[in-house]
Amino acid sequence: MRYAVFTEDGLDIVCDSSALASDHCDDLHGVCFDVRRFDADDETIFDIGHEAIRDGKSWAVAKRLMVAAVAVGVSETSAAAAAAAAAAAAAVPAGSGLRDLPAEERRIVSAILSDAKARGLLVSVHDGEEWALVHSTDHKAIRSLIGATGETLLRFASAPVDGAVLGSVWLIHGNGVDVIADYSDNPAMSDLLGRALSIADALASA
């Protein structure tokens, strides 16, 4: 049984347990709107959304198609995960970091951070003025610092703290689907950014 976590812009991540889904909702800082339990192939559900975008449909339509695809499996909403999503939304004020980005940027950056968390990576955040956070796994804090200025630099390292630095991603806010301005050209970073770049391509071709 899997748990699909949706933001207002579509499917964000698929988790293997309700506890992980609840934890991810908390990290999303209030942009999560639904969690659904299902028994299906999550890649298929992601593909439905991307195909809808490539066909010229909006994210709103793609989101409805993905939710419908999940409902074909098991349509019960996880009460615990949904409650966590509601609590997270209520606890976070408007204008907080990731939540305050334009929808396209939020979708892309959220994918980067979600996949970094899934890999257990340490994240450092340069907010355009200073290293505001170094070697952190506190995704609430990480997301709250995104977009503090016109640019954000994210640096990723493997755990523990003295682990190898995998590379960096340079974000330029206000660039929409081109929010990823540059990133370290190596296999580890290409793997980490694969889903985010796919989302950016789908949005750009809409």
Protein backbone atom coordinates (compact mmCIF):
# COMPACT_ATOMS: atom_id res chain seq x y z
CA MET A 1 0.00 0.00 0.00
CA ARG A 2 1.37 3.44 -0.96
CA TYR A 3 0.50 7.01 -0.04
CA ALA A 4 0.37 9.78 -2.63
CA VAL A 5 0.98 13.31 -1.35
CA PHE A 6 -0.48 16.10 -3.47
CA THR A 7 0.27 19.82 -3.46
CA GLU A 8 -1.92 22.37 -5.20
CA ASP A 9 0.20 21.81 -8.30
CA GLY A 10 -0.02 18.04 -8.56
CA LEU A 11 1.49 14.85 -7.20
CA ASP A 12 4.57 15.68 -5.16
CA ILE A 13 5.78 12.35 -3.83
CA VAL A 14 4.77 8.75 -3.18
CA CYS A 15 5.53 7.31 0.27
CA ASP A 16 5.63 3.75 1.54
CA SER A 17 3.85 4.47 4.84
CA SER A 18 1.35 6.88 6.36
CA ALA A 19 4.03 8.01 8.82
CA LEU A 20 6.35 9.07 5.98
CA ALA A 21 3.44 10.80 4.23
CA SER A 22 2.56 12.71 7.40
CA ASP A 23 6.20 13.71 7.86
CA HIS A 24 6.40 14.92 4.28
CA CYS A 25 3.19 16.94 4.66
CA ASP A 26 4.77 18.68 7.62
CA ASP A 27 7.87 19.49 5.53
CA LEU A 28 5.74 20.96 2.74
CA HIS A 29 4.93 23.97 4.92
CA GLY A 30 1.25 24.14 4.13
CA VAL A 31 1.26 23.61 0.36
CA CYS A 32 0.03 20.02 0.77
CA PHE A 33 -3.70 19.69 0.13
CA ASP A 34 -4.42 15.95 0.01
CA VAL A 35 -3.03 12.53 0.85
CA ARG A 36 -4.48 9.37 -0.67
CA ARG A 37 -3.80 5.71 -0.05
CA PHE A 38 -3.59 3.51 -3.12
CA ASP A 39 -2.28 0.32 -4.59
CA ALA A 40 -0.90 1.21 -8.01
CA ASP A 41 2.28 1.96 -9.90
CA ASP A 42 3.40 5.44 -8.85
CA GLU A 43 5.40 6.01 -12.04
CA THR A 44 2.17 5.58 -13.99
CA ILE A 45 0.53 8.28 -11.91
CA PHE A 46 3.44 10.69 -12.41
CA ASP A 47 3.31 9.95 -16.15
CA ILE A 48 -0.41 10.78 -16.33
CA GLY A 49 0.32 14.26 -15.04
CA HIS A 50 3.29 14.85 -17.32
CA GLU A 51 1.41 13.57 -20.38
CA ALA A 52 -1.44 15.94 -19.58
CA ILE A 53 0.98 18.87 -19.49
CA ARG A 54 2.58 17.78 -22.78
CA ASP A 55 -0.92 17.67 -24.27
CA GLY A 56 -1.43 21.32 -23.35
CA LYS A 57 -3.53 20.84 -20.23
CA SER A 58 -3.00 22.95 -17.13
CA TRP A 59 -1.59 21.69 -13.85
CA ALA A 60 -5.10 21.98 -12.41
CA VAL A 61 -6.37 19.49 -14.99
CA ALA A 62 -3.29 17.27 -14.62
CA LYS A 63 -3.82 17.23 -10.86
CA ARG A 64 -7.43 16.07 -11.27
CA LEU A 65 -6.31 13.32 -13.64
CA MET A 66 -3.67 12.10 -11.17
CA VAL A 67 -6.09 12.15 -8.25
CA ALA A 68 -8.58 10.18 -10.35
CA ALA A 69 -5.86 7.65 -11.20
CA VAL A 70 -5.14 7.14 -7.52
CA ALA A 71 -8.84 6.77 -6.78
CA VAL A 72 -8.98 3.84 -9.20
CA GLY A 73 -6.80 1.97 -6.69
CA VAL A 74 -7.93 2.59 -3.12
CA SER A 75 -9.82 5.83 -2.65
CA GLU A 76 -9.58 6.03 1.14
CA THR A 77 -7.77 9.08 2.42
CA SER A 78 -5.32 8.44 5.21
CA ALA A 79 -6.90 10.17 8.20
CA ALA A 80 -3.59 10.57 10.03
CA ALA A 81 -1.77 11.98 7.01
CA ALA A 82 -4.66 14.28 6.09
CA ALA A 83 -4.78 15.58 9.66
CA ALA A 84 -1.04 16.27 9.56
CA ALA A 85 -1.48 18.15 6.28
CA ALA A 86 -4.25 20.29 7.74
CA ALA A 87 -2.20 21.00 10.87
CA ALA A 88 0.84 21.96 8.81
CA ALA A 89 -1.24 24.32 6.68
CA ALA A 90 -2.78 25.98 9.73
CA ALA A 91 0.52 26.38 11.58
CA VAL A 92 2.49 28.14 8.85
CA PRO A 93 1.86 31.81 8.06
CA ALA A 94 1.54 33.05 4.48
CA GLY A 95 4.71 34.22 2.79
CA SER A 96 6.98 31.58 4.29
CA GLY A 97 9.83 30.47 2.05
CA LEU A 98 8.91 27.81 -0.49
CA ARG A 99 5.21 28.50 -0.04
CA ASP A 100 5.68 32.07 -1.26
CA LEU A 101 7.27 31.11 -4.60
CA PRO A 102 5.26 31.22 -7.84
CA ALA A 103 3.49 27.92 -8.52
CA GLU A 104 5.86 26.71 -11.25
CA GLU A 105 8.97 27.43 -9.19
CA ARG A 106 7.43 25.91 -6.08
CA ARG A 107 6.66 22.69 -7.93
CA ILE A 108 10.22 22.34 -9.27
CA VAL A 109 12.05 23.30 -6.08
CA SER A 110 9.77 21.10 -3.98
CA ALA A 111 10.72 18.13 -6.17
CA ILE A 112 14.44 18.81 -5.58
CA LEU A 113 14.01 18.99 -1.82
CA SER A 114 11.68 15.99 -1.67
CA ASP A 115 14.15 13.83 -3.57
CA ALA A 116 17.08 15.08 -1.46
CA LYS A 117 15.16 14.10 1.66
CA ALA A 118 14.33 10.67 0.21
CA ARG A 119 18.07 10.11 -0.34
CA GLY A 120 18.96 11.21 3.19
CA LEU A 121 21.15 14.05 1.96
CA LEU A 122 22.42 16.96 4.03
CA VAL A 123 21.39 20.35 2.63
CA SER A 124 23.15 23.71 2.99
CA VAL A 125 21.31 26.90 2.01
CA HIS A 126 22.93 30.14 0.85
CA ASP A 127 20.13 32.71 0.80
CA GLY A 128 21.93 35.12 -1.51
CA GLU A 129 23.70 36.87 1.35
CA GLU A 130 25.13 34.15 3.62
CA TRP A 131 25.11 30.45 4.40
CA ALA A 132 21.92 30.56 6.44
CA LEU A 133 21.89 26.79 7.06
CA VAL A 134 24.70 24.24 6.81
CA HIS A 135 24.53 20.43 6.60
CA SER A 136 20.91 20.22 7.67
CA THR A 137 18.15 17.62 7.46
CA ASP A 138 15.60 20.01 8.97
CA HIS A 139 13.38 20.40 5.93
CA LYS A 140 11.05 22.87 7.64
CA ALA A 141 14.01 25.22 8.09
CA ILE A 142 15.35 24.50 4.60
CA ARG A 143 12.03 25.29 2.91
CA SER A 144 11.54 28.44 4.99
CA LEU A 145 14.81 29.89 3.65
CA ILE A 146 14.09 29.35 -0.05
CA GLY A 147 13.49 32.62 -1.91
CA ALA A 148 14.62 34.98 0.85
CA THR A 149 16.40 36.99 -1.88
CA GLY A 150 16.41 36.80 -5.65
CA GLU A 151 18.61 33.72 -5.65
CA THR A 152 19.21 30.62 -3.56
CA LEU A 153 22.16 28.23 -3.66
CA LEU A 154 21.55 24.71 -2.40
CA ARG A 155 24.51 22.44 -1.66
CA PHE A 156 24.02 18.71 -1.08
CA ALA A 157 26.24 16.28 0.80
CA SER A 158 25.94 12.68 1.82
CA ALA A 159 25.49 11.88 5.51
CA PRO A 160 27.17 11.99 8.01
CA VAL A 161 28.22 15.63 8.34
CA ASP A 162 31.72 14.89 7.04
CA GLY A 163 30.27 13.09 4.01
CA ALA A 164 31.19 13.92 0.45
CA VAL A 165 29.74 17.03 -1.18
CA LEU A 166 27.70 15.91 -4.18
CA GLY A 167 27.26 19.33 -5.73
CA SER A 168 25.14 22.46 -5.82
CA VAL A 169 22.05 23.89 -7.49
CA TRP A 170 21.74 27.61 -8.23
CA LEU A 171 18.16 28.90 -8.22
CA ILE A 172 17.18 32.26 -9.70
CA HIS A 173 13.74 33.24 -8.45
CA GLY A 174 11.37 34.92 -10.86
CA ASN A 175 12.58 32.77 -13.79
CA GLY A 176 9.54 30.48 -13.63
CA VAL A 177 10.23 27.10 -15.23
CA ASP A 178 13.88 28.14 -15.59
CA VAL A 179 14.33 28.57 -11.83
CA ILE A 180 17.21 26.06 -12.00
CA ALA A 181 19.84 28.40 -13.43
CA ASP A 182 22.80 26.05 -13.06
CA TYR A 183 23.93 22.93 -11.22
CA SER A 184 27.00 20.77 -10.74
CA ASP A 185 27.53 18.58 -13.78
CA ASN A 186 28.06 15.12 -12.34
CA PRO A 187 26.12 11.82 -12.22
CA ALA A 188 24.99 12.24 -8.60
CA MET A 189 23.44 15.65 -9.22
CA SER A 190 21.91 14.57 -12.53
CA ASP A 191 20.24 11.72 -10.67
CA LEU A 192 19.03 13.99 -7.86
CA LEU A 193 17.60 16.58 -10.26
CA GLY A 194 16.08 14.12 -12.72
CA ARG A 195 12.46 14.49 -11.55
CA ALA A 196 12.68 18.26 -11.06
CA LEU A 197 14.11 18.76 -14.56
CA SER A 198 11.39 16.52 -15.99
CA ILE A 199 8.74 18.64 -14.28
CA ALA A 200 10.39 21.83 -15.59
CA ASP A 201 10.41 20.43 -19.14
CA ALA A 202 6.76 19.44 -18.88
CA LEU A 203 5.76 22.90 -17.62
CA ALA A 204 7.83 24.62 -20.32
CA SER A 205 6.13 22.65 -23.08
CA ALA A 206 2.62 23.36 -21.78
